[in-house]
Amino acid sequence: MDDYEPSRSILIYFLFPISYFLFLNGRNDEHRPIIIMNLANKLTLTRIILIPIIIILLAQEDIYARFATLVIFIIAAITDLYDGMLARREKKVTNWGKLMDPLADKLLTSAIFISFVGMPQLHIPAWMVFLIITREFLITGLRMLAISEGTVIAASGGGKIKTTSQMVAIIAILLILLVRSYCQQASCDLAPAIMLAKDGWYWYLAWTLELGPHLLMLITTLLTVLSGVSYLLKYKKLIWP
């Protein structure tokens, strides 16, 4: 059996029930209540269901699993881009969507960042991910507190930059993992001593593969923490009236 068979089997077993739920769950019968699931909410639900698939694929080290992880995450990111837009355009904003859309984003990014910490080749320290997840919990709590006080906290420019930086960092790191898998398959040597002894594109590529994930996460962590601090300062009266 080829190395990529486990990854392909995982996709088959997960995607079939996902397709059944998303497209047949609106069927009505006498023994089951109708579940109203518009297209925007289906996109949000798809993003949540894709999370375990991405985590399982990240645990596989073959090049096919790396490629599948990258493609699936991009699909998840696209659903994040369109679900809210579709709900507003079609005037089908639901309470379920208001709750699950931001939650799906946090679950997706947090799960992937935690998985990255468990990969020694990425050199991503746990404290970075801890700060990112702590910020997400704090601001989520702040939003809930604001709602209870009759205030809506709109997404700020810093928050949008934070989200963009996280998505870019994840895609870039997944690309790095894909290239590393290819280099391992092609017997490329990425040891620092050999990298320094070589010139040209190989030298830059090798150092990018070694240091890129750490630098990307460092930038993302800084932007995430700064956006969180800006929210707390702007709405501090909700916490300390």
Protein backbone atom coordinates (compact mmCIF):
# COMPACT_ATOMS: atom_id res chain seq x y z
CA MET A 1 0.00 0.00 0.00
CA ASP A 2 1.26 3.48 -0.82
CA ASP A 3 2.25 5.90 1.94
CA TYR A 4 -0.66 8.21 1.22
CA GLU A 5 -3.36 5.55 1.56
CA PRO A 6 -4.13 6.33 5.27
CA SER A 7 -4.64 10.02 4.49
CA ARG A 8 -6.89 9.26 1.55
CA SER A 9 -8.96 6.85 3.64
CA ILE A 10 -9.39 9.47 6.35
CA LEU A 11 -10.77 11.93 3.81
CA ILE A 12 -13.22 9.38 2.40
CA TYR A 13 -14.61 8.39 5.80
CA PHE A 14 -15.02 12.00 6.94
CA LEU A 15 -16.31 13.64 3.78
CA PHE A 16 -19.21 11.27 3.14
CA PRO A 17 -21.06 11.97 6.42
CA ILE A 18 -20.27 15.66 6.08
CA SER A 19 -21.90 15.78 2.63
CA TYR A 20 -24.93 13.84 3.90
CA PHE A 21 -25.49 16.19 6.84
CA LEU A 22 -24.99 19.42 4.91
CA PHE A 23 -27.24 18.62 1.99
CA LEU A 24 -29.88 16.26 3.43
CA ASN A 25 -30.40 17.65 6.92
CA GLY A 26 -33.19 19.95 5.73
CA ARG A 27 -35.43 17.02 4.74
CA ASN A 28 -38.68 17.04 6.61
CA ASP A 29 -40.50 14.07 8.05
CA GLU A 30 -42.99 13.45 10.81
CA HIS A 31 -40.44 12.19 13.32
CA ARG A 32 -37.80 14.87 13.00
CA PRO A 33 -38.13 18.64 13.34
CA ILE A 34 -36.97 20.84 10.47
CA ILE A 35 -33.47 22.20 11.02
CA ILE A 36 -33.21 25.55 9.26
CA MET A 37 -29.70 25.68 7.84
CA ASN A 38 -29.12 28.41 5.28
CA LEU A 39 -26.05 28.50 3.06
CA ALA A 40 -24.10 30.85 5.35
CA ASN A 41 -24.64 28.59 8.36
CA LYS A 42 -23.70 25.53 6.30
CA LEU A 43 -20.40 27.19 5.42
CA THR A 44 -19.75 27.90 9.10
CA LEU A 45 -20.61 24.33 10.04
CA THR A 46 -18.36 23.03 7.27
CA ARG A 47 -15.46 25.00 8.74
CA ILE A 48 -16.03 23.40 12.14
CA ILE A 49 -16.26 19.88 10.72
CA LEU A 50 -13.06 20.39 8.73
CA ILE A 51 -11.08 21.03 11.94
CA PRO A 52 -10.57 17.37 12.98
CA ILE A 53 -9.73 16.45 9.40
CA ILE A 54 -6.98 19.10 9.34
CA ILE A 55 -5.61 17.97 12.71
CA ILE A 56 -5.51 14.31 11.63
CA LEU A 57 -3.78 15.21 8.37
CA LEU A 58 -1.24 17.39 10.20
CA ALA A 59 -0.17 14.31 12.13
CA GLN A 60 0.77 12.61 8.85
CA GLU A 61 4.21 13.46 7.51
CA ASP A 62 3.89 12.37 3.88
CA ILE A 63 3.74 14.96 1.11
CA TYR A 64 0.18 14.04 0.09
CA ALA A 65 -1.17 14.70 3.58
CA ARG A 66 0.69 18.04 3.69
CA PHE A 67 -0.85 19.07 0.37
CA ALA A 68 -4.33 17.97 1.46
CA THR A 69 -3.97 19.94 4.70
CA LEU A 70 -3.07 23.10 2.80
CA VAL A 71 -5.98 22.74 0.36
CA ILE A 72 -8.52 22.00 3.09
CA PHE A 73 -7.39 24.95 5.20
CA ILE A 74 -7.69 27.28 2.21
CA ILE A 75 -11.24 25.97 1.69
CA ALA A 76 -11.99 26.64 5.36
CA ALA A 77 -10.57 30.16 5.06
CA ILE A 78 -12.77 30.80 2.01
CA THR A 79 -15.87 29.72 3.95
CA ASP A 80 -14.86 32.23 6.63
CA LEU A 81 -14.71 34.94 4.00
CA TYR A 82 -18.13 34.23 2.52
CA ASP A 83 -20.43 32.98 5.29
CA GLY A 84 -20.95 36.32 7.01
CA MET A 85 -21.14 38.16 3.70
CA LEU A 86 -23.81 35.79 2.39
CA ALA A 87 -25.86 36.04 5.58
CA ARG A 88 -25.89 39.83 5.44
CA ARG A 89 -26.54 40.02 1.70
CA GLU A 90 -29.45 37.58 1.85
CA LYS A 91 -30.69 39.07 5.15
CA LYS A 92 -30.53 35.67 6.83
CA VAL A 93 -28.42 36.53 9.86
CA THR A 94 -29.28 34.05 12.63
CA ASN A 95 -28.37 33.84 16.31
CA TRP A 96 -26.72 30.49 15.58
CA GLY A 97 -24.53 32.14 12.95
CA LYS A 98 -23.65 35.05 15.26
CA LEU A 99 -22.45 32.57 17.86
CA MET A 100 -20.79 29.92 15.71
CA ASP A 101 -19.05 32.06 13.07
CA PRO A 102 -16.47 33.67 15.41
CA LEU A 103 -16.28 30.48 17.47
CA ALA A 104 -15.45 28.45 14.35
CA ASP A 105 -12.61 30.86 13.51
CA LYS A 106 -11.10 30.56 16.99
CA LEU A 107 -11.45 26.78 17.07
CA LEU A 108 -9.80 26.44 13.65
CA THR A 109 -6.80 28.69 14.29
CA SER A 110 -6.28 27.53 17.89
CA ALA A 111 -6.33 23.85 16.93
CA ILE A 112 -3.79 24.39 14.16
CA PHE A 113 -1.48 26.54 16.30
CA ILE A 114 -1.51 23.91 19.06
CA SER A 115 -0.65 21.26 16.47
CA PHE A 116 2.27 23.40 15.26
CA VAL A 117 3.72 23.45 18.79
CA GLY A 118 3.87 19.67 18.69
CA MET A 119 6.08 19.72 15.58
CA PRO A 120 9.74 20.09 16.66
CA GLN A 121 10.89 20.99 13.14
CA LEU A 122 8.88 24.24 13.26
CA HIS A 123 10.61 25.64 16.37
CA ILE A 124 7.36 27.28 17.59
CA PRO A 125 7.39 27.78 21.38
CA ALA A 126 4.24 27.11 23.39
CA TRP A 127 4.23 30.59 24.94
CA MET A 128 3.35 32.15 21.58
CA VAL A 129 0.28 29.99 21.15
CA PHE A 130 -0.63 30.51 24.81
CA LEU A 131 -0.68 34.29 24.30
CA ILE A 132 -2.74 33.99 21.11
CA ILE A 133 -5.37 31.74 22.70
CA THR A 134 -5.46 33.83 25.88
CA ARG A 135 -6.14 36.95 23.80
CA GLU A 136 -8.99 35.18 21.99
CA PHE A 137 -10.63 34.13 25.26
CA LEU A 138 -10.27 37.59 26.77
CA ILE A 139 -11.78 39.43 23.82
CA THR A 140 -14.57 36.87 23.46
CA GLY A 141 -15.40 37.40 27.13
CA LEU A 142 -15.26 41.16 26.61
CA ARG A 143 -17.71 40.92 23.70
CA MET A 144 -20.13 38.86 25.78
CA LEU A 145 -19.88 41.36 28.62
CA ALA A 146 -20.51 44.20 26.18
CA ILE A 147 -23.62 42.48 24.80
CA SER A 148 -24.98 42.05 28.32
CA GLU A 149 -24.53 45.81 28.78
CA GLY A 150 -26.24 46.62 25.49
CA THR A 151 -23.03 47.49 23.65
CA VAL A 152 -21.79 45.97 20.40
CA ILE A 153 -18.03 45.74 19.90
CA ALA A 154 -17.40 46.03 16.18
CA ALA A 155 -14.31 44.52 14.56
CA SER A 156 -11.50 47.05 14.59
CA GLY A 157 -8.74 47.57 12.08
CA GLY A 158 -6.30 45.90 14.45
CA GLY A 159 -8.59 42.91 14.80
CA LYS A 160 -8.82 42.50 11.03
CA ILE A 161 -5.04 42.75 10.72
CA LYS A 162 -4.73 40.13 13.45
CA THR A 163 -7.04 37.74 11.63
CA THR A 164 -5.25 38.29 8.32
CA SER A 165 -1.84 37.72 9.92
CA GLN A 166 -3.01 34.46 11.46
CA MET A 167 -4.40 33.17 8.18
CA VAL A 168 -1.27 34.19 6.26
CA ALA A 169 0.99 32.62 8.89
CA ILE A 170 -0.89 29.32 8.83
CA ILE A 171 -0.89 29.10 5.03
CA ALA A 172 2.82 30.00 4.87
CA ILE A 173 3.74 27.43 7.54
CA LEU A 174 1.68 24.75 5.80
CA LEU A 175 3.56 25.59 2.58
CA ILE A 176 6.85 25.28 4.47
CA LEU A 177 5.80 21.87 5.80
CA LEU A 178 4.90 20.83 2.24
CA VAL A 179 8.29 21.91 0.88
CA ARG A 180 10.08 20.20 3.79
CA SER A 181 8.24 16.96 3.04
CA TYR A 182 9.30 17.22 -0.59
CA CYS A 183 12.92 17.88 0.41
CA GLN A 184 12.89 14.88 2.72
CA GLN A 185 11.50 12.74 -0.07
CA ALA A 186 14.18 14.09 -2.44
CA SER A 187 16.89 13.63 0.23
CA CYS A 188 17.66 17.35 0.59
CA ASP A 189 19.97 18.15 3.49
CA LEU A 190 18.75 21.14 5.51
CA ALA A 191 21.42 21.06 8.21
CA PRO A 192 22.68 24.60 9.05
CA ALA A 193 26.31 23.72 8.37
CA ILE A 194 25.50 22.57 4.85
CA MET A 195 23.20 25.54 4.25
CA LEU A 196 25.98 27.99 5.10
CA ALA A 197 28.35 26.20 2.74
CA LYS A 198 26.03 26.64 -0.23
CA ASP A 199 25.24 29.70 -2.32
CA GLY A 200 22.24 30.85 -4.33
CA TRP A 201 18.58 29.99 -3.91
CA TYR A 202 19.24 26.86 -1.85
CA TRP A 203 20.79 28.90 0.96
CA TYR A 204 17.76 31.22 1.20
CA LEU A 205 15.27 28.37 0.85
CA ALA A 206 16.93 26.33 3.58
CA TRP A 207 17.01 29.19 6.07
CA THR A 208 13.39 30.04 5.25
CA LEU A 209 12.39 26.46 5.98
CA GLU A 210 14.30 26.51 9.27
CA LEU A 211 13.49 29.96 10.64
CA GLY A 212 10.37 30.98 8.71
CA PRO A 213 7.75 29.35 10.99
CA HIS A 214 9.25 30.86 14.15
CA LEU A 215 9.43 34.37 12.65
CA LEU A 216 5.90 34.15 11.22
CA MET A 217 4.49 33.07 14.57
CA LEU A 218 6.43 35.78 16.38
CA ILE A 219 4.93 38.48 14.13
CA THR A 220 1.46 36.95 14.44
CA THR A 221 1.75 36.77 18.24
CA LEU A 222 2.78 40.42 18.48
CA LEU A 223 -0.08 41.59 16.24
CA THR A 224 -2.57 39.41 18.12
CA VAL A 225 -1.49 40.70 21.55
CA LEU A 226 -1.45 44.34 20.38
CA SER A 227 -4.97 44.06 18.96
CA GLY A 228 -6.16 42.53 22.22
CA VAL A 229 -4.60 45.32 24.27
CA SER A 230 -6.24 47.93 22.03
CA TYR A 231 -9.66 46.35 22.61
CA LEU A 232 -9.13 46.25 26.37
CA LEU A 233 -8.02 49.88 26.52
CA LYS A 234 -10.86 51.07 24.31
CA TYR A 235 -13.55 49.28 26.33
CA LYS A 236 -11.91 49.33 29.76
CA LYS A 237 -15.00 51.02 31.27
CA LEU A 238 -16.90 47.80 30.72
CA ILE A 239 -14.42 46.02 32.99
CA TRP A 240 -13.58 48.82 35.42
CA PRO A 241 -16.62 51.15 35.48
